[in-house]
Amino acid sequence: DNVMNGFKIFAIDSSRLLGKAGFQNGDIITQVNDVSLKQPEQGFSLYQALQDEKEVRVSILRKGTTPMTLVIRIK
């Protein structure tokens, strides 16, 4: 229906940072720290806003339908 739900990620390597954080190929990131990612410009501005965060909560859709939340601690 041409409605953006978030950002779909791919080319995830399980031995690299995103894979170790729990992301899988095809996951759709829908929210980060309660900020919706239904508009592309939100993703770009959110990246800068998260630079000093110690923990990030990422809501995803796995396999297009299963909602999950990943909590990522940043050292």
PDB file of N, CA and C in Angstrom:
ATOM      1  N   ASP A   1       0.822  -1.212   0.000  1.00  0.00           N
ATOM      2  CA  ASP A   1       0.000   0.000   0.000  1.00  0.00           C
ATOM      3  C   ASP A   1       0.858   1.265   0.000  1.00  0.00           C
ATOM      4  N   ASN A   2       2.149   1.141  -0.322  1.00  0.00           N
ATOM      5  CA  ASN A   2       3.080   2.262  -0.469  1.00  0.00           C
ATOM      6  C   ASN A   2       3.215   3.136   0.765  1.00  0.00           C
ATOM      7  N   VAL A   3       3.088   2.554   1.946  1.00  0.00           N
ATOM      8  CA  VAL A   3       3.269   3.278   3.193  1.00  0.00           C
ATOM      9  C   VAL A   3       4.590   2.825   3.803  1.00  0.00           C
ATOM     10  N   MET A   4       5.427   3.800   4.173  1.00  0.00           N
ATOM     11  CA  MET A   4       6.720   3.462   4.761  1.00  0.00           C
ATOM     12  C   MET A   4       6.530   3.044   6.217  1.00  0.00           C
ATOM     13  N   ASN A   5       7.084   1.870   6.586  1.00  0.00           N
ATOM     14  CA  ASN A   5       7.007   1.377   7.961  1.00  0.00           C
ATOM     15  C   ASN A   5       8.287   1.624   8.732  1.00  0.00           C
ATOM     16  N   GLY A   6       9.386   1.874   8.028  1.00  0.00           N
ATOM     17  CA  GLY A   6      10.679   2.060   8.665  1.00  0.00           C
ATOM     18  C   GLY A   6      11.783   1.794   7.666  1.00  0.00           C
ATOM     19  N   PHE A   7      12.957   1.432   8.174  1.00  0.00           N
ATOM     20  CA  PHE A   7      14.118   1.189   7.341  1.00  0.00           C
ATOM     21  C   PHE A   7      14.445  -0.296   7.347  1.00  0.00           C
ATOM     22  N   LYS A   8      14.448  -0.903   6.166  1.00  0.00           N
ATOM     23  CA  LYS A   8      14.778  -2.322   6.044  1.00  0.00           C
ATOM     24  C   LYS A   8      16.292  -2.458   5.942  1.00  0.00           C
ATOM     25  N   ILE A   9      16.844  -3.380   6.735  1.00  0.00           N
ATOM     26  CA  ILE A   9      18.292  -3.565   6.720  1.00  0.00           C
ATOM     27  C   ILE A   9      18.644  -4.902   6.095  1.00  0.00           C
ATOM     28  N   PHE A  10      19.809  -4.950   5.479  1.00  0.00           N
ATOM     29  CA  PHE A  10      20.259  -6.166   4.811  1.00  0.00           C
ATOM     30  C   PHE A  10      21.780  -6.199   4.816  1.00  0.00           C
ATOM     31  N   ALA A  11      22.350  -7.265   4.341  1.00  0.00           N
ATOM     32  CA  ALA A  11      23.798  -7.497   4.328  1.00  0.00           C
ATOM     33  C   ALA A  11      24.362  -7.503   5.745  1.00  0.00           C
ATOM     34  N   ILE A  12      23.594  -8.066   6.686  1.00  0.00           N
ATOM     35  CA  ILE A  12      24.041  -8.168   8.072  1.00  0.00           C
ATOM     36  C   ILE A  12      24.937  -9.390   8.212  1.00  0.00           C
ATOM     37  N   ASP A  13      26.110  -9.194   8.764  1.00  0.00           N
ATOM     38  CA  ASP A  13      27.066 -10.271   9.028  1.00  0.00           C
ATOM     39  C   ASP A  13      27.003 -10.556  10.525  1.00  0.00           C
ATOM     40  N   SER A  14      26.683 -11.775  10.908  1.00  0.00           N
ATOM     41  CA  SER A  14      26.497 -12.116  12.317  1.00  0.00           C
ATOM     42  C   SER A  14      27.757 -11.925  13.160  1.00  0.00           C
ATOM     43  N   SER A  15      28.917 -11.849  12.531  1.00  0.00           N
ATOM     44  CA  SER A  15      30.155 -11.651  13.275  1.00  0.00           C
ATOM     45  C   SER A  15      30.529 -10.177  13.432  1.00  0.00           C
ATOM     46  N   ARG A  16      29.750  -9.291  12.820  1.00  0.00           N
ATOM     47  CA  ARG A  16      30.037  -7.850  12.878  1.00  0.00           C
ATOM     48  C   ARG A  16      29.092  -7.169  13.860  1.00  0.00           C
ATOM     49  N   LEU A  17      29.232  -5.869  14.035  1.00  0.00           N
ATOM     50  CA  LEU A  17      28.530  -5.097  15.054  1.00  0.00           C
ATOM     51  C   LEU A  17      27.007  -5.281  15.027  1.00  0.00           C
ATOM     52  N   LEU A  18      26.359  -5.057  13.894  1.00  0.00           N
ATOM     53  CA  LEU A  18      24.894  -5.156  13.847  1.00  0.00           C
ATOM     54  C   LEU A  18      24.417  -6.581  14.090  1.00  0.00           C
ATOM     55  N   GLY A  19      25.136  -7.553  13.583  1.00  0.00           N
ATOM     56  CA  GLY A  19      24.778  -8.942  13.821  1.00  0.00           C
ATOM     57  C   GLY A  19      24.903  -9.313  15.290  1.00  0.00           C
ATOM     58  N   LYS A  20      25.964  -8.870  15.923  1.00  0.00           N
ATOM     59  CA  LYS A  20      26.168  -9.137  17.347  1.00  0.00           C
ATOM     60  C   LYS A  20      25.127  -8.435  18.208  1.00  0.00           C
ATOM     61  N   ALA A  21      24.582  -7.311  17.724  1.00  0.00           N
ATOM     62  CA  ALA A  21      23.541  -6.590  18.456  1.00  0.00           C
ATOM     63  C   ALA A  21      22.190  -7.280  18.341  1.00  0.00           C
ATOM     64  N   GLY A  22      22.072  -8.259  17.429  1.00  0.00           N
ATOM     65  CA  GLY A  22      20.835  -9.019  17.311  1.00  0.00           C
ATOM     66  C   GLY A  22      20.046  -8.771  16.041  1.00  0.00           C
ATOM     67  N   PHE A  23      20.532  -7.900  15.169  1.00  0.00           N
ATOM     68  CA  PHE A  23      19.827  -7.630  13.917  1.00  0.00           C
ATOM     69  C   PHE A  23      20.017  -8.777  12.937  1.00  0.00           C
ATOM     70  N   GLN A  24      19.000  -8.980  12.091  1.00  0.00           N
ATOM     71  CA  GLN A  24      19.058 -10.003  11.056  1.00  0.00           C
ATOM     72  C   GLN A  24      18.690  -9.381   9.723  1.00  0.00           C
ATOM     73  N   ASN A  25      19.146 -10.015   8.650  1.00  0.00           N
ATOM     74  CA  ASN A  25      18.802  -9.550   7.306  1.00  0.00           C
ATOM     75  C   ASN A  25      17.283  -9.478   7.159  1.00  0.00           C
ATOM     76  N   GLY A  26      16.806  -8.389   6.609  1.00  0.00           N
ATOM     77  CA  GLY A  26      15.378  -8.213   6.371  1.00  0.00           C
ATOM     78  C   GLY A  26      14.619  -7.544   7.507  1.00  0.00           C
ATOM     79  N   ASP A  27      15.270  -7.335   8.662  1.00  0.00           N
ATOM     80  CA  ASP A  27      14.593  -6.621   9.753  1.00  0.00           C
ATOM     81  C   ASP A  27      14.221  -5.223   9.286  1.00  0.00           C
ATOM     82  N   ILE A  28      13.082  -4.746   9.765  1.00  0.00           N
ATOM     83  CA  ILE A  28      12.641  -3.384   9.467  1.00  0.00           C
ATOM     84  C   ILE A  28      12.676  -2.600  10.772  1.00  0.00           C
ATOM     85  N   ILE A  29      13.531  -1.578  10.837  1.00  0.00           N
ATOM     86  CA  ILE A  29      13.628  -0.738  12.029  1.00  0.00           C
ATOM     87  C   ILE A  29      12.477   0.264  11.973  1.00  0.00           C
ATOM     88  N   THR A  30      11.576   0.189  12.956  1.00  0.00           N
ATOM     89  CA  THR A  30      10.388   1.039  12.960  1.00  0.00           C
ATOM     90  C   THR A  30      10.467   2.192  13.952  1.00  0.00           C
ATOM     91  N   GLN A  31      11.244   2.005  15.031  1.00  0.00           N
ATOM     92  CA  GLN A  31      11.365   3.030  16.067  1.00  0.00           C
ATOM     93  C   GLN A  31      12.724   2.929  16.727  1.00  0.00           C
ATOM     94  N   VAL A  32      13.245   4.078  17.140  1.00  0.00           N
ATOM     95  CA  VAL A  32      14.469   4.116  17.936  1.00  0.00           C
ATOM     96  C   VAL A  32      14.209   5.062  19.095  1.00  0.00           C
ATOM     97  N   ASN A  33      14.350   4.539  20.327  1.00  0.00           N
ATOM     98  CA  ASN A  33      14.074   5.338  21.539  1.00  0.00           C
ATOM     99  C   ASN A  33      12.741   6.087  21.426  1.00  0.00           C
ATOM    100  N   ASP A  34      11.701   5.391  21.048  1.00  0.00           N
ATOM    101  CA  ASP A  34      10.334   5.925  20.951  1.00  0.00           C
ATOM    102  C   ASP A  34      10.135   6.950  19.834  1.00  0.00           C
ATOM    103  N   VAL A  35      11.096   7.082  18.938  1.00  0.00           N
ATOM    104  CA  VAL A  35      10.951   7.975  17.780  1.00  0.00           C
ATOM    105  C   VAL A  35      10.624   7.113  16.567  1.00  0.00           C
ATOM    106  N   SER A  36       9.463   7.357  15.961  1.00  0.00           N
ATOM    107  CA  SER A  36       9.021   6.606  14.796  1.00  0.00           C
ATOM    108  C   SER A  36       9.917   6.901  13.595  1.00  0.00           C
ATOM    109  N   LEU A  37      10.134   5.885  12.763  1.00  0.00           N
ATOM    110  CA  LEU A  37      10.940   6.058  11.558  1.00  0.00           C
ATOM    111  C   LEU A  37      10.095   5.865  10.304  1.00  0.00           C
ATOM    112  N   LYS A  38       8.918   6.432  10.303  1.00  0.00           N
ATOM    113  CA  LYS A  38       8.030   6.291   9.145  1.00  0.00           C
ATOM    114  C   LYS A  38       8.317   7.309   8.055  1.00  0.00           C
ATOM    115  N   GLN A  39       9.223   8.259   8.324  1.00  0.00           N
ATOM    116  CA  GLN A  39       9.635   9.243   7.325  1.00  0.00           C
ATOM    117  C   GLN A  39      11.156   9.187   7.201  1.00  0.00           C
ATOM    118  N   PRO A  40      11.703   9.168   5.992  1.00  0.00           N
ATOM    119  CA  PRO A  40      13.156   9.032   5.807  1.00  0.00           C
ATOM    120  C   PRO A  40      13.969  10.089   6.559  1.00  0.00           C
ATOM    121  N   GLU A  41      13.502  11.313   6.586  1.00  0.00           N
ATOM    122  CA  GLU A  41      14.273  12.377   7.236  1.00  0.00           C
ATOM    123  C   GLU A  41      14.414  12.159   8.742  1.00  0.00           C
ATOM    124  N   GLN A  42      13.496  11.411   9.350  1.00  0.00           N
ATOM    125  CA  GLN A  42      13.604  11.118  10.778  1.00  0.00           C
ATOM    126  C   GLN A  42      14.825  10.252  11.061  1.00  0.00           C
ATOM    127  N   GLY A  43      15.140   9.345  10.179  1.00  0.00           N
ATOM    128  CA  GLY A  43      16.297   8.480  10.362  1.00  0.00           C
ATOM    129  C   GLY A  43      17.600   9.249  10.356  1.00  0.00           C
ATOM    130  N   PHE A  44      17.721  10.196   9.465  1.00  0.00           N
ATOM    131  CA  PHE A  44      18.959  10.959   9.364  1.00  0.00           C
ATOM    132  C   PHE A  44      19.152  11.892  10.560  1.00  0.00           C
ATOM    133  N   SER A  45      18.092  12.535  11.020  1.00  0.00           N
ATOM    134  CA  SER A  45      18.223  13.417  12.176  1.00  0.00           C
ATOM    135  C   SER A  45      18.400  12.622  13.465  1.00  0.00           C
ATOM    136  N   LEU A  46      17.814  11.448  13.534  1.00  0.00           N
ATOM    137  CA  LEU A  46      17.942  10.603  14.722  1.00  0.00           C
ATOM    138  C   LEU A  46      19.381  10.135  14.903  1.00  0.00           C
ATOM    139  N   TYR A  47      20.063   9.844  13.821  1.00  0.00           N
ATOM    140  CA  TYR A  47      21.453   9.389  13.889  1.00  0.00           C
ATOM    141  C   TYR A  47      22.307  10.399  14.663  1.00  0.00           C
ATOM    142  N   GLN A  48      22.160  11.661  14.363  1.00  0.00           N
ATOM    143  CA  GLN A  48      22.926  12.703  15.064  1.00  0.00           C
ATOM    144  C   GLN A  48      22.495  12.827  16.518  1.00  0.00           C
ATOM    145  N   ALA A  49      21.217  12.684  16.797  1.00  0.00           N
ATOM    146  CA  ALA A  49      20.702  12.839  18.163  1.00  0.00           C
ATOM    147  C   ALA A  49      21.181  11.724  19.083  1.00  0.00           C
ATOM    148  N   LEU A  50      21.563  10.581  18.542  1.00  0.00           N
ATOM    149  CA  LEU A  50      21.952   9.430  19.354  1.00  0.00           C
ATOM    150  C   LEU A  50      23.447   9.345  19.635  1.00  0.00           C
ATOM    151  N   GLN A  51      24.223  10.291  19.192  1.00  0.00           N
ATOM    152  CA  GLN A  51      25.677  10.225  19.314  1.00  0.00           C
ATOM    153  C   GLN A  51      26.169  10.039  20.746  1.00  0.00           C
ATOM    154  N   ASP A  52      25.479  10.603  21.745  1.00  0.00           N
ATOM    155  CA  ASP A  52      25.943  10.542  23.131  1.00  0.00           C
ATOM    156  C   ASP A  52      25.150   9.573  24.001  1.00  0.00           C
ATOM    157  N   GLU A  53      24.276   8.773  23.412  1.00  0.00           N
ATOM    158  CA  GLU A  53      23.457   7.843  24.178  1.00  0.00           C
ATOM    159  C   GLU A  53      24.283   6.658  24.676  1.00  0.00           C
ATOM    160  N   LYS A  54      23.930   6.147  25.847  1.00  0.00           N
ATOM    161  CA  LYS A  54      24.583   4.964  26.415  1.00  0.00           C
ATOM    162  C   LYS A  54      23.771   3.702  26.152  1.00  0.00           C
ATOM    163  N   GLU A  55      22.477   3.871  25.843  1.00  0.00           N
ATOM    164  CA  GLU A  55      21.590   2.739  25.565  1.00  0.00           C
ATOM    165  C   GLU A  55      20.571   3.170  24.521  1.00  0.00           C
ATOM    166  N   VAL A  56      20.309   2.297  23.585  1.00  0.00           N
ATOM    167  CA  VAL A  56      19.361   2.587  22.502  1.00  0.00           C
ATOM    168  C   VAL A  56      18.369   1.435  22.424  1.00  0.00           C
ATOM    169  N   ARG A  57      17.069   1.770  22.395  1.00  0.00           N
ATOM    170  CA  ARG A  57      16.010   0.777  22.225  1.00  0.00           C
ATOM    171  C   ARG A  57      15.522   0.846  20.777  1.00  0.00           C
ATOM    172  N   VAL A  58      15.620  -0.274  20.088  1.00  0.00           N
ATOM    173  CA  VAL A  58      15.265  -0.314  18.670  1.00  0.00           C
ATOM    174  C   VAL A  58      14.093  -1.268  18.484  1.00  0.00           C
ATOM    175  N   SER A  59      12.981  -0.747  17.980  1.00  0.00           N
ATOM    176  CA  SER A  59      11.819  -1.581  17.660  1.00  0.00           C
ATOM    177  C   SER A  59      11.945  -2.013  16.207  1.00  0.00           C
ATOM    178  N   ILE A  60      11.754  -3.312  15.979  1.00  0.00           N
ATOM    179  CA  ILE A  60      11.872  -3.850  14.631  1.00  0.00           C
ATOM    180  C   ILE A  60      10.683  -4.742  14.310  1.00  0.00           C
ATOM    181  N   LEU A  61      10.510  -4.967  13.028  1.00  0.00           N
ATOM    182  CA  LEU A  61       9.607  -6.010  12.545  1.00  0.00           C
ATOM    183  C   LEU A  61      10.489  -7.089  11.947  1.00  0.00           C
ATOM    184  N   ARG A  62      10.406  -8.283  12.494  1.00  0.00           N
ATOM    185  CA  ARG A  62      11.191  -9.399  11.971  1.00  0.00           C
ATOM    186  C   ARG A  62      10.297 -10.204  11.044  1.00  0.00           C
ATOM    187  N   LYS A  63      10.826 -10.531   9.889  1.00  0.00           N
ATOM    188  CA  LYS A  63      10.087 -11.254   8.844  1.00  0.00           C
ATOM    189  C   LYS A  63       8.830 -10.494   8.437  1.00  0.00           C
ATOM    190  N   GLY A  64       8.869  -9.168   8.592  1.00  0.00           N
ATOM    191  CA  GLY A  64       7.780  -8.311   8.141  1.00  0.00           C
ATOM    192  C   GLY A  64       6.578  -8.224   9.047  1.00  0.00           C
ATOM    193  N   THR A  65       6.479  -9.126  10.049  1.00  0.00           N
ATOM    194  CA  THR A  65       5.265  -9.130  10.861  1.00  0.00           C
ATOM    195  C   THR A  65       5.492  -9.256  12.365  1.00  0.00           C
ATOM    196  N   THR A  66       6.615  -9.789  12.789  1.00  0.00           N
ATOM    197  CA  THR A  66       6.830 -10.062  14.207  1.00  0.00           C
ATOM    198  C   THR A  66       7.517  -8.879  14.886  1.00  0.00           C
ATOM    199  N   PRO A  67       6.792  -8.145  15.765  1.00  0.00           N
ATOM    200  CA  PRO A  67       7.425  -6.998  16.433  1.00  0.00           C
ATOM    201  C   PRO A  67       8.370  -7.462  17.531  1.00  0.00           C
ATOM    202  N   MET A  68       9.528  -6.806  17.607  1.00  0.00           N
ATOM    203  CA  MET A  68      10.528  -7.109  18.627  1.00  0.00           C
ATOM    204  C   MET A  68      11.193  -5.797  19.046  1.00  0.00           C
ATOM    205  N   THR A  69      11.809  -5.814  20.225  1.00  0.00           N
ATOM    206  CA  THR A  69      12.597  -4.674  20.671  1.00  0.00           C
ATOM    207  C   THR A  69      13.988  -5.165  21.054  1.00  0.00           C
ATOM    208  N   LEU A  70      14.996  -4.523  20.498  1.00  0.00           N
ATOM    209  CA  LEU A  70      16.377  -4.813  20.847  1.00  0.00           C
ATOM    210  C   LEU A  70      16.893  -3.669  21.700  1.00  0.00           C
ATOM    211  N   VAL A  71      17.546  -3.988  22.813  1.00  0.00           N
ATOM    212  CA  VAL A  71      18.162  -2.978  23.668  1.00  0.00           C
ATOM    213  C   VAL A  71      19.665  -3.103  23.465  1.00  0.00           C
ATOM    214  N   ILE A  72      20.263  -2.025  22.999  1.00  0.00           N
ATOM    215  CA  ILE A  72      21.679  -2.037  22.665  1.00  0.00           C
ATOM    216  C   ILE A  72      22.393  -1.086  23.618  1.00  0.00           C
ATOM    217  N   ARG A  73      23.344  -1.617  24.371  1.00  0.00           N
ATOM    218  CA  ARG A  73      24.162  -0.804  25.270  1.00  0.00           C
ATOM    219  C   ARG A  73      25.441  -0.391  24.544  1.00  0.00           C
ATOM    220  N   ILE A  74      25.734   0.883  24.615  1.00  0.00           N
ATOM    221  CA  ILE A  74      26.890   1.424  23.912  1.00  0.00           C
ATOM    222  C   ILE A  74      27.985   1.709  24.923  1.00  0.00           C
ATOM    223  N   LYS A  75      29.156   1.154  24.685  1.00  0.00           N
ATOM    224  CA  LYS A  75      30.282   1.340  25.607  1.00  0.00           C
ATOM    225  C   LYS A  75      31.116   2.520  25.200  1.00  0.00           C
TER     226      LYS A  75
END
